[in-house]
């Protein structure tokens, strides 16, 4: 994934396959969401952590 693709993905906003977390205080919910994404639809697609 290049920067252009990443920006396009972010511009789509949250969906059933994309969720934004804004702080490390949200670490547990972020991990829960990540596990859900990995278990859904075979876990395919990009998983990106640490963006703000």
N, C-alpha and C. Protein backbone atom coordinates (compact mmCIF):
# COMPACT_ATOMS: atom_id res chain seq x y z
N UNK A 1 0.85 -1.16 0.00
CA UNK A 1 0.00 0.00 0.00
C UNK A 1 0.90 1.23 0.00
N UNK A 2 0.64 2.11 -0.93
CA UNK A 2 1.42 3.35 -0.98
C UNK A 2 0.64 4.48 -0.30
N UNK A 3 1.25 5.64 -0.20
CA UNK A 3 0.65 6.77 0.50
C UNK A 3 -0.67 7.20 -0.15
N UNK A 4 -0.74 7.20 -1.46
CA UNK A 4 -1.97 7.58 -2.16
C UNK A 4 -3.11 6.62 -1.80
N UNK A 5 -2.82 5.32 -1.78
CA UNK A 5 -3.83 4.33 -1.43
C UNK A 5 -4.27 4.47 0.02
N UNK A 6 -3.32 4.76 0.90
CA UNK A 6 -3.64 4.94 2.31
C UNK A 6 -4.55 6.16 2.51
N UNK A 7 -4.22 7.25 1.86
CA UNK A 7 -5.06 8.45 1.97
C UNK A 7 -6.47 8.19 1.44
N UNK A 8 -6.58 7.46 0.35
CA UNK A 8 -7.90 7.13 -0.22
C UNK A 8 -8.69 6.28 0.75
N UNK A 9 -8.04 5.33 1.39
CA UNK A 9 -8.69 4.47 2.37
C UNK A 9 -9.20 5.28 3.55
N UNK A 10 -8.37 6.16 4.07
CA UNK A 10 -8.75 7.01 5.21
C UNK A 10 -9.90 7.93 4.83
N UNK A 11 -9.87 8.46 3.62
CA UNK A 11 -10.92 9.41 3.20
C UNK A 11 -12.30 8.76 3.11
N UNK A 12 -12.35 7.43 3.02
CA UNK A 12 -13.64 6.73 2.97
C UNK A 12 -14.36 6.76 4.31
N UNK A 13 -13.62 6.99 5.39
CA UNK A 13 -14.22 7.00 6.72
C UNK A 13 -14.43 5.60 7.26
N UNK A 14 -14.97 5.55 8.47
CA UNK A 14 -15.18 4.26 9.12
C UNK A 14 -16.27 3.46 8.43
N UNK A 15 -16.12 2.14 8.50
CA UNK A 15 -17.10 1.22 7.90
C UNK A 15 -17.02 -0.10 8.66
N UNK A 16 -17.65 -1.12 8.12
CA UNK A 16 -17.57 -2.43 8.78
C UNK A 16 -16.17 -3.03 8.68
N UNK A 17 -15.32 -2.45 7.82
CA UNK A 17 -13.95 -2.96 7.68
C UNK A 17 -12.88 -1.92 8.02
N UNK A 18 -13.29 -0.74 8.48
CA UNK A 18 -12.33 0.32 8.81
C UNK A 18 -12.80 1.06 10.05
N UNK A 19 -11.92 1.14 11.04
CA UNK A 19 -12.26 1.81 12.28
C UNK A 19 -11.07 2.63 12.75
N UNK A 20 -11.33 3.84 13.22
CA UNK A 20 -10.29 4.74 13.69
C UNK A 20 -10.29 4.80 15.21
N UNK A 21 -9.11 4.74 15.81
CA UNK A 21 -8.93 4.94 17.25
C UNK A 21 -7.92 6.07 17.39
N UNK A 22 -8.17 7.01 18.32
CA UNK A 22 -7.36 8.22 18.36
C UNK A 22 -6.30 8.26 19.46
N UNK A 23 -6.34 7.33 20.41
CA UNK A 23 -5.35 7.40 21.48
C UNK A 23 -5.04 6.02 22.03
N UNK A 24 -3.94 5.93 22.76
CA UNK A 24 -3.58 4.66 23.39
C UNK A 24 -4.54 4.30 24.50
N UNK A 25 -5.34 5.27 24.97
CA UNK A 25 -6.37 4.97 25.95
C UNK A 25 -7.43 4.06 25.33
N UNK A 26 -7.47 4.02 24.03
CA UNK A 26 -8.41 3.17 23.31
C UNK A 26 -7.76 1.86 22.86
N UNK A 27 -6.67 1.48 23.51
CA UNK A 27 -5.93 0.29 23.09
C UNK A 27 -6.78 -0.98 23.17
N UNK A 28 -7.48 -1.19 24.28
CA UNK A 28 -8.29 -2.40 24.40
C UNK A 28 -9.38 -2.45 23.33
N UNK A 29 -10.16 -1.37 23.15
CA UNK A 29 -11.16 -1.42 22.06
C UNK A 29 -10.51 -1.61 20.68
N UNK A 30 -9.33 -1.04 20.50
CA UNK A 30 -8.64 -1.20 19.21
C UNK A 30 -8.25 -2.66 18.98
N UNK A 31 -7.76 -3.31 20.01
CA UNK A 31 -7.39 -4.73 19.90
C UNK A 31 -8.63 -5.59 19.66
N UNK A 32 -9.73 -5.24 20.32
CA UNK A 32 -10.97 -5.99 20.10
C UNK A 32 -11.46 -5.81 18.67
N UNK A 33 -11.38 -4.59 18.15
CA UNK A 33 -11.78 -4.34 16.77
C UNK A 33 -10.87 -5.09 15.80
N UNK A 34 -9.57 -5.07 16.08
CA UNK A 34 -8.61 -5.76 15.22
C UNK A 34 -8.91 -7.26 15.18
N UNK A 35 -9.18 -7.85 16.34
CA UNK A 35 -9.53 -9.27 16.37
C UNK A 35 -10.79 -9.54 15.56
N UNK A 36 -11.76 -8.65 15.68
CA UNK A 36 -12.99 -8.80 14.89
C UNK A 36 -12.71 -8.73 13.40
N UNK A 37 -11.87 -7.79 13.00
CA UNK A 37 -11.53 -7.67 11.58
C UNK A 37 -10.78 -8.91 11.08
N UNK A 38 -9.88 -9.42 11.92
CA UNK A 38 -9.11 -10.60 11.53
C UNK A 38 -9.99 -11.84 11.39
N UNK A 39 -11.06 -11.89 12.17
CA UNK A 39 -11.96 -13.04 12.13
C UNK A 39 -13.05 -12.90 11.07
N UNK A 40 -13.25 -11.73 10.53
CA UNK A 40 -14.30 -11.50 9.55
C UNK A 40 -13.77 -11.65 8.13
N UNK A 41 -14.55 -12.27 7.30
CA UNK A 41 -14.22 -12.39 5.87
C UNK A 41 -12.80 -12.91 5.63
N UNK A 42 -12.38 -13.84 6.45
CA UNK A 42 -11.07 -14.46 6.27
C UNK A 42 -9.90 -13.59 6.67
N UNK A 43 -10.16 -12.45 7.31
CA UNK A 43 -9.07 -11.59 7.78
C UNK A 43 -8.29 -10.92 6.67
N UNK A 44 -8.89 -10.81 5.49
CA UNK A 44 -8.17 -10.19 4.37
C UNK A 44 -8.26 -8.67 4.45
N UNK A 45 -7.41 -8.02 3.72
CA UNK A 45 -7.39 -6.55 3.68
C UNK A 45 -6.34 -6.01 4.63
N UNK A 46 -6.00 -4.75 4.46
CA UNK A 46 -4.95 -4.14 5.28
C UNK A 46 -5.38 -3.94 6.72
N UNK A 47 -4.44 -4.12 7.63
CA UNK A 47 -4.62 -3.81 9.05
C UNK A 47 -3.54 -2.81 9.39
N UNK A 48 -3.91 -1.59 9.74
CA UNK A 48 -2.95 -0.51 9.96
C UNK A 48 -3.16 0.04 11.35
N UNK A 49 -2.11 0.06 12.15
CA UNK A 49 -2.16 0.61 13.50
C UNK A 49 -1.22 1.80 13.60
N UNK A 50 -1.56 2.76 14.43
CA UNK A 50 -0.65 3.85 14.73
C UNK A 50 -0.80 5.09 13.87
N UNK A 51 -1.91 5.21 13.16
CA UNK A 51 -2.13 6.42 12.35
C UNK A 51 -3.01 7.39 13.11
N UNK A 52 -2.76 8.66 12.92
CA UNK A 52 -3.61 9.67 13.53
C UNK A 52 -4.00 10.67 12.49
